[in-house]
Amino acid sequence: MKIGNKEFKTMKALKEKYVLVKVEDIERLKSNDIGYIEIEEEGEQYFIVRRGARHKKFTEELCKKIRAEREEGKTYKELALKYDCSTRIINYIIRGIY
């Protein structure tokens, strides 16, 4: 089975890099803006999502805004509450590793 430019000889090998998704969960993927791949193998239809792939909540523009608010004196906790995330995420954004 070929996904993109990678060849997978077994479903087990495929599952190490991707997660099979049930048909009834496709709408949830779409509503959360998570990309998926639709494949057909031996007459069966599959939907897969790359393991570890996550849609980031904050755009680069929003990260810049958060950094600016931090420079203005807002605390990590205030920012986390305002943007509905953890202080760890705020820390990553401030340090530029998000």
N, C-alpha and C. Protein backbone atom coordinates (compact mmCIF):
# COMPACT_ATOMS: atom_id res chain seq x y z
N MET A 1 0.85 -1.17 0.00
CA MET A 1 0.00 0.00 0.00
C MET A 1 0.90 1.23 0.00
N LYS A 2 0.58 2.19 -0.86
CA LYS A 2 1.40 3.37 -0.96
C LYS A 2 0.61 4.59 -0.46
N ILE A 3 1.21 5.34 0.47
CA ILE A 3 0.65 6.58 1.00
C ILE A 3 1.66 7.67 0.67
N GLY A 4 1.24 8.61 -0.16
CA GLY A 4 2.19 9.64 -0.58
C GLY A 4 3.33 8.98 -1.34
N ASN A 5 4.55 9.17 -0.85
CA ASN A 5 5.70 8.54 -1.50
C ASN A 5 6.26 7.38 -0.68
N LYS A 6 5.52 6.95 0.35
CA LYS A 6 5.98 5.83 1.19
C LYS A 6 5.19 4.57 0.89
N GLU A 7 5.91 3.48 0.85
CA GLU A 7 5.31 2.18 0.61
C GLU A 7 5.20 1.41 1.93
N PHE A 8 4.02 0.87 2.22
CA PHE A 8 3.79 0.06 3.41
C PHE A 8 3.39 -1.33 2.97
N LYS A 9 4.15 -2.33 3.45
CA LYS A 9 3.89 -3.71 3.02
C LYS A 9 2.74 -4.35 3.80
N THR A 10 2.54 -3.91 5.05
CA THR A 10 1.48 -4.50 5.87
C THR A 10 0.68 -3.39 6.56
N MET A 11 -0.51 -3.75 7.03
CA MET A 11 -1.32 -2.80 7.80
C MET A 11 -0.61 -2.46 9.11
N LYS A 12 0.10 -3.41 9.67
CA LYS A 12 0.83 -3.15 10.91
C LYS A 12 1.86 -2.04 10.71
N ALA A 13 2.59 -2.09 9.62
CA ALA A 13 3.58 -1.05 9.32
C ALA A 13 2.89 0.30 9.11
N LEU A 14 1.74 0.28 8.47
CA LEU A 14 0.98 1.51 8.26
C LEU A 14 0.54 2.11 9.59
N LYS A 15 0.08 1.26 10.51
CA LYS A 15 -0.43 1.73 11.80
C LYS A 15 0.66 2.32 12.69
N GLU A 16 1.93 2.03 12.39
CA GLU A 16 3.02 2.64 13.16
C GLU A 16 3.15 4.12 12.87
N LYS A 17 2.74 4.55 11.68
CA LYS A 17 2.85 5.96 11.27
C LYS A 17 1.50 6.67 11.20
N TYR A 18 0.44 5.90 11.01
CA TYR A 18 -0.88 6.47 10.81
C TYR A 18 -1.90 5.82 11.73
N VAL A 19 -3.03 6.50 11.91
CA VAL A 19 -4.13 5.97 12.71
C VAL A 19 -5.32 5.80 11.79
N LEU A 20 -5.92 4.62 11.82
CA LEU A 20 -7.14 4.41 11.05
C LEU A 20 -8.29 5.11 11.77
N VAL A 21 -9.15 5.75 10.99
CA VAL A 21 -10.25 6.52 11.55
C VAL A 21 -11.56 5.92 11.06
N LYS A 22 -12.53 5.81 11.96
CA LYS A 22 -13.84 5.28 11.60
C LYS A 22 -14.58 6.30 10.74
N VAL A 23 -15.41 5.79 9.86
CA VAL A 23 -16.18 6.65 8.96
C VAL A 23 -17.00 7.67 9.75
N GLU A 24 -17.59 7.24 10.86
CA GLU A 24 -18.44 8.14 11.64
C GLU A 24 -17.66 9.28 12.31
N ASP A 25 -16.32 9.21 12.34
CA ASP A 25 -15.51 10.26 12.95
C ASP A 25 -14.98 11.28 11.94
N ILE A 26 -15.27 11.08 10.67
CA ILE A 26 -14.76 11.99 9.63
C ILE A 26 -15.27 13.41 9.84
N GLU A 27 -16.53 13.57 10.21
CA GLU A 27 -17.08 14.91 10.44
C GLU A 27 -16.35 15.62 11.57
N ARG A 28 -15.96 14.89 12.61
CA ARG A 28 -15.20 15.49 13.71
C ARG A 28 -13.84 15.97 13.23
N LEU A 29 -13.20 15.19 12.36
CA LEU A 29 -11.92 15.62 11.80
C LEU A 29 -12.09 16.91 11.01
N LYS A 30 -13.13 16.95 10.19
CA LYS A 30 -13.39 18.14 9.37
C LYS A 30 -13.66 19.36 10.25
N SER A 31 -14.49 19.18 11.28
CA SER A 31 -14.86 20.32 12.13
C SER A 31 -13.67 20.83 12.94
N ASN A 32 -12.68 19.98 13.20
CA ASN A 32 -11.48 20.39 13.93
C ASN A 32 -10.32 20.70 12.99
N ASP A 33 -10.60 20.76 11.70
CA ASP A 33 -9.61 21.10 10.69
C ASP A 33 -8.37 20.19 10.76
N ILE A 34 -8.64 18.88 10.91
CA ILE A 34 -7.57 17.89 10.94
C ILE A 34 -7.57 17.17 9.60
N GLY A 35 -6.44 17.20 8.94
CA GLY A 35 -6.33 16.56 7.63
C GLY A 35 -6.35 15.05 7.73
N TYR A 36 -6.93 14.42 6.74
CA TYR A 36 -6.94 12.96 6.69
C TYR A 36 -6.76 12.52 5.25
N ILE A 37 -6.40 11.27 5.09
CA ILE A 37 -6.20 10.70 3.77
C ILE A 37 -7.22 9.58 3.58
N GLU A 38 -7.83 9.59 2.44
CA GLU A 38 -8.79 8.54 2.11
C GLU A 38 -8.12 7.57 1.14
N ILE A 39 -8.12 6.29 1.50
CA ILE A 39 -7.51 5.29 0.62
C ILE A 39 -8.46 4.12 0.43
N GLU A 40 -8.24 3.40 -0.64
CA GLU A 40 -9.02 2.20 -0.89
C GLU A 40 -8.05 1.06 -1.13
N GLU A 41 -8.25 -0.02 -0.43
CA GLU A 41 -7.37 -1.19 -0.53
C GLU A 41 -8.24 -2.44 -0.58
N GLU A 42 -8.09 -3.21 -1.63
CA GLU A 42 -8.84 -4.46 -1.81
C GLU A 42 -10.34 -4.25 -1.63
N GLY A 43 -10.85 -3.16 -2.22
CA GLY A 43 -12.28 -2.89 -2.17
C GLY A 43 -12.78 -2.28 -0.87
N GLU A 44 -11.90 -2.10 0.11
CA GLU A 44 -12.27 -1.50 1.39
C GLU A 44 -11.85 -0.04 1.41
N GLN A 45 -12.68 0.80 2.00
CA GLN A 45 -12.36 2.22 2.11
C GLN A 45 -11.83 2.51 3.51
N TYR A 46 -10.69 3.21 3.56
CA TYR A 46 -10.06 3.57 4.83
C TYR A 46 -9.83 5.08 4.89
N PHE A 47 -9.84 5.60 6.09
CA PHE A 47 -9.49 6.98 6.35
C PHE A 47 -8.36 6.95 7.37
N ILE A 48 -7.29 7.67 7.11
CA ILE A 48 -6.16 7.63 8.02
C ILE A 48 -5.70 9.05 8.36
N VAL A 49 -5.13 9.18 9.55
CA VAL A 49 -4.56 10.42 10.04
C VAL A 49 -3.14 10.10 10.47
N ARG A 50 -2.21 10.97 10.11
CA ARG A 50 -0.81 10.76 10.50
C ARG A 50 -0.67 10.85 12.01
N ARG A 51 0.01 9.89 12.60
CA ARG A 51 0.25 9.89 14.05
C ARG A 51 1.02 11.13 14.45
N GLY A 52 0.62 11.72 15.54
CA GLY A 52 1.32 12.88 16.07
C GLY A 52 0.99 14.18 15.36
N ALA A 53 0.25 14.10 14.29
CA ALA A 53 -0.12 15.33 13.58
C ALA A 53 -1.27 15.99 14.31
N ARG A 54 -1.09 17.21 14.68
CA ARG A 54 -2.12 17.96 15.38
C ARG A 54 -2.26 19.33 14.78
N HIS A 55 -3.47 19.75 14.72
CA HIS A 55 -3.72 21.10 14.26
C HIS A 55 -3.36 22.06 15.39
N LYS A 56 -2.51 23.04 15.11
CA LYS A 56 -2.13 23.99 16.14
C LYS A 56 -3.24 25.01 16.34
N LYS A 57 -3.50 25.30 17.60
CA LYS A 57 -4.56 26.23 17.96
C LYS A 57 -4.20 27.66 17.62
N PHE A 58 -2.92 28.01 17.72
CA PHE A 58 -2.49 29.40 17.56
C PHE A 58 -1.72 29.60 16.26
N THR A 59 -2.16 30.59 15.50
CA THR A 59 -1.44 30.96 14.28
C THR A 59 -0.22 31.78 14.68
N GLU A 60 0.68 31.99 13.74
CA GLU A 60 1.87 32.81 14.02
C GLU A 60 1.45 34.24 14.37
N GLU A 61 0.42 34.73 13.72
CA GLU A 61 -0.07 36.08 14.01
C GLU A 61 -0.57 36.19 15.45
N LEU A 62 -1.30 35.18 15.90
CA LEU A 62 -1.80 35.18 17.28
C LEU A 62 -0.66 35.02 18.28
N CYS A 63 0.35 34.23 17.93
CA CYS A 63 1.52 34.08 18.79
C CYS A 63 2.23 35.42 18.98
N LYS A 64 2.33 36.20 17.90
CA LYS A 64 2.95 37.53 18.00
C LYS A 64 2.15 38.42 18.94
N LYS A 65 0.83 38.32 18.84
CA LYS A 65 -0.04 39.11 19.72
C LYS A 65 0.16 38.71 21.19
N ILE A 66 0.27 37.43 21.44
CA ILE A 66 0.48 36.93 22.80
C ILE A 66 1.83 37.42 23.33
N ARG A 67 2.87 37.36 22.49
CA ARG A 67 4.19 37.86 22.91
C ARG A 67 4.13 39.35 23.24
N ALA A 68 3.40 40.09 22.43
CA ALA A 68 3.28 41.54 22.67
C ALA A 68 2.55 41.81 23.99
N GLU A 69 1.50 41.04 24.27
CA GLU A 69 0.78 41.21 25.53
C GLU A 69 1.67 40.86 26.72
N ARG A 70 2.51 39.87 26.54
CA ARG A 70 3.45 39.50 27.62
C ARG A 70 4.43 40.64 27.86
N GLU A 71 4.93 41.24 26.80
CA GLU A 71 5.86 42.37 26.94
C GLU A 71 5.20 43.57 27.61
N GLU A 72 3.88 43.68 27.44
CA GLU A 72 3.13 44.76 28.09
C GLU A 72 2.90 44.49 29.58
N GLY A 73 3.25 43.28 30.03
CA GLY A 73 3.16 42.99 31.45
C GLY A 73 2.15 41.95 31.88
N LYS A 74 1.41 41.38 30.93
CA LYS A 74 0.45 40.34 31.32
C LYS A 74 1.20 39.10 31.79
N THR A 75 0.64 38.43 32.79
CA THR A 75 1.28 37.23 33.32
C THR A 75 0.95 36.02 32.45
N TYR A 76 1.72 34.95 32.63
CA TYR A 76 1.46 33.72 31.90
C TYR A 76 0.05 33.23 32.21
N LYS A 77 -0.32 33.32 33.49
CA LYS A 77 -1.64 32.83 33.90
C LYS A 77 -2.75 33.64 33.25
N GLU A 78 -2.60 34.96 33.22
CA GLU A 78 -3.61 35.81 32.58
C GLU A 78 -3.76 35.46 31.10
N LEU A 79 -2.63 35.26 30.44
CA LEU A 79 -2.67 34.90 29.02
C LEU A 79 -3.30 33.53 28.80
N ALA A 80 -2.95 32.59 29.65
CA ALA A 80 -3.50 31.24 29.53
C ALA A 80 -5.02 31.26 29.71
N LEU A 81 -5.49 32.01 30.67
CA LEU A 81 -6.93 32.12 30.88
C LEU A 81 -7.61 32.81 29.70
N LYS A 82 -7.01 33.87 29.22
CA LYS A 82 -7.58 34.62 28.11
C LYS A 82 -7.68 33.76 26.83
N TYR A 83 -6.65 32.97 26.57
CA TYR A 83 -6.59 32.20 25.34
C TYR A 83 -6.97 30.73 25.51
N ASP A 84 -7.48 30.39 26.71
CA ASP A 84 -7.98 29.04 26.99
C ASP A 84 -6.95 27.96 26.66
N CYS A 85 -5.79 28.09 27.29
CA CYS A 85 -4.74 27.09 27.11
C CYS A 85 -3.93 27.01 28.42
N SER A 86 -2.93 26.17 28.43
CA SER A 86 -2.10 26.03 29.62
C SER A 86 -0.99 27.09 29.65
N THR A 87 -0.45 27.31 30.83
CA THR A 87 0.69 28.23 30.93
C THR A 87 1.91 27.65 30.21
N ARG A 88 1.97 26.34 30.09
CA ARG A 88 3.07 25.70 29.36
C ARG A 88 3.04 26.11 27.88
N ILE A 89 1.85 26.13 27.29
CA ILE A 89 1.72 26.55 25.90
C ILE A 89 2.12 28.02 25.76
N ILE A 90 1.69 28.85 26.70
CA ILE A 90 2.08 30.26 26.69
C ILE A 90 3.60 30.38 26.76
N ASN A 91 4.21 29.58 27.63
CA ASN A 91 5.67 29.58 27.75
C ASN A 91 6.33 29.22 26.42
N TYR A 92 5.82 28.17 25.76
CA TYR A 92 6.36 27.77 24.45
C TYR A 92 6.23 28.90 23.43
N ILE A 93 5.08 29.57 23.44
CA ILE A 93 4.86 30.67 22.51
C ILE A 93 5.85 31.80 22.78
N ILE A 94 6.01 32.17 24.03
CA ILE A 94 6.92 33.27 24.42
C ILE A 94 8.35 32.92 24.01
N ARG A 95 8.74 31.67 24.21
CA ARG A 95 10.11 31.24 23.89
C ARG A 95 10.32 30.97 22.40
N GLY A 96 9.22 30.99 21.62
CA GLY A 96 9.32 30.77 20.19
C GLY A 96 9.48 29.32 19.77
N ILE A 97 9.04 28.38 20.62
CA ILE A 97 9.17 26.96 20.26
C ILE A 97 7.83 26.29 20.04
N TYR A 98 6.78 27.07 19.98
CA TYR A 98 5.44 26.51 19.74
C TYR A 98 5.29 26.15 18.30
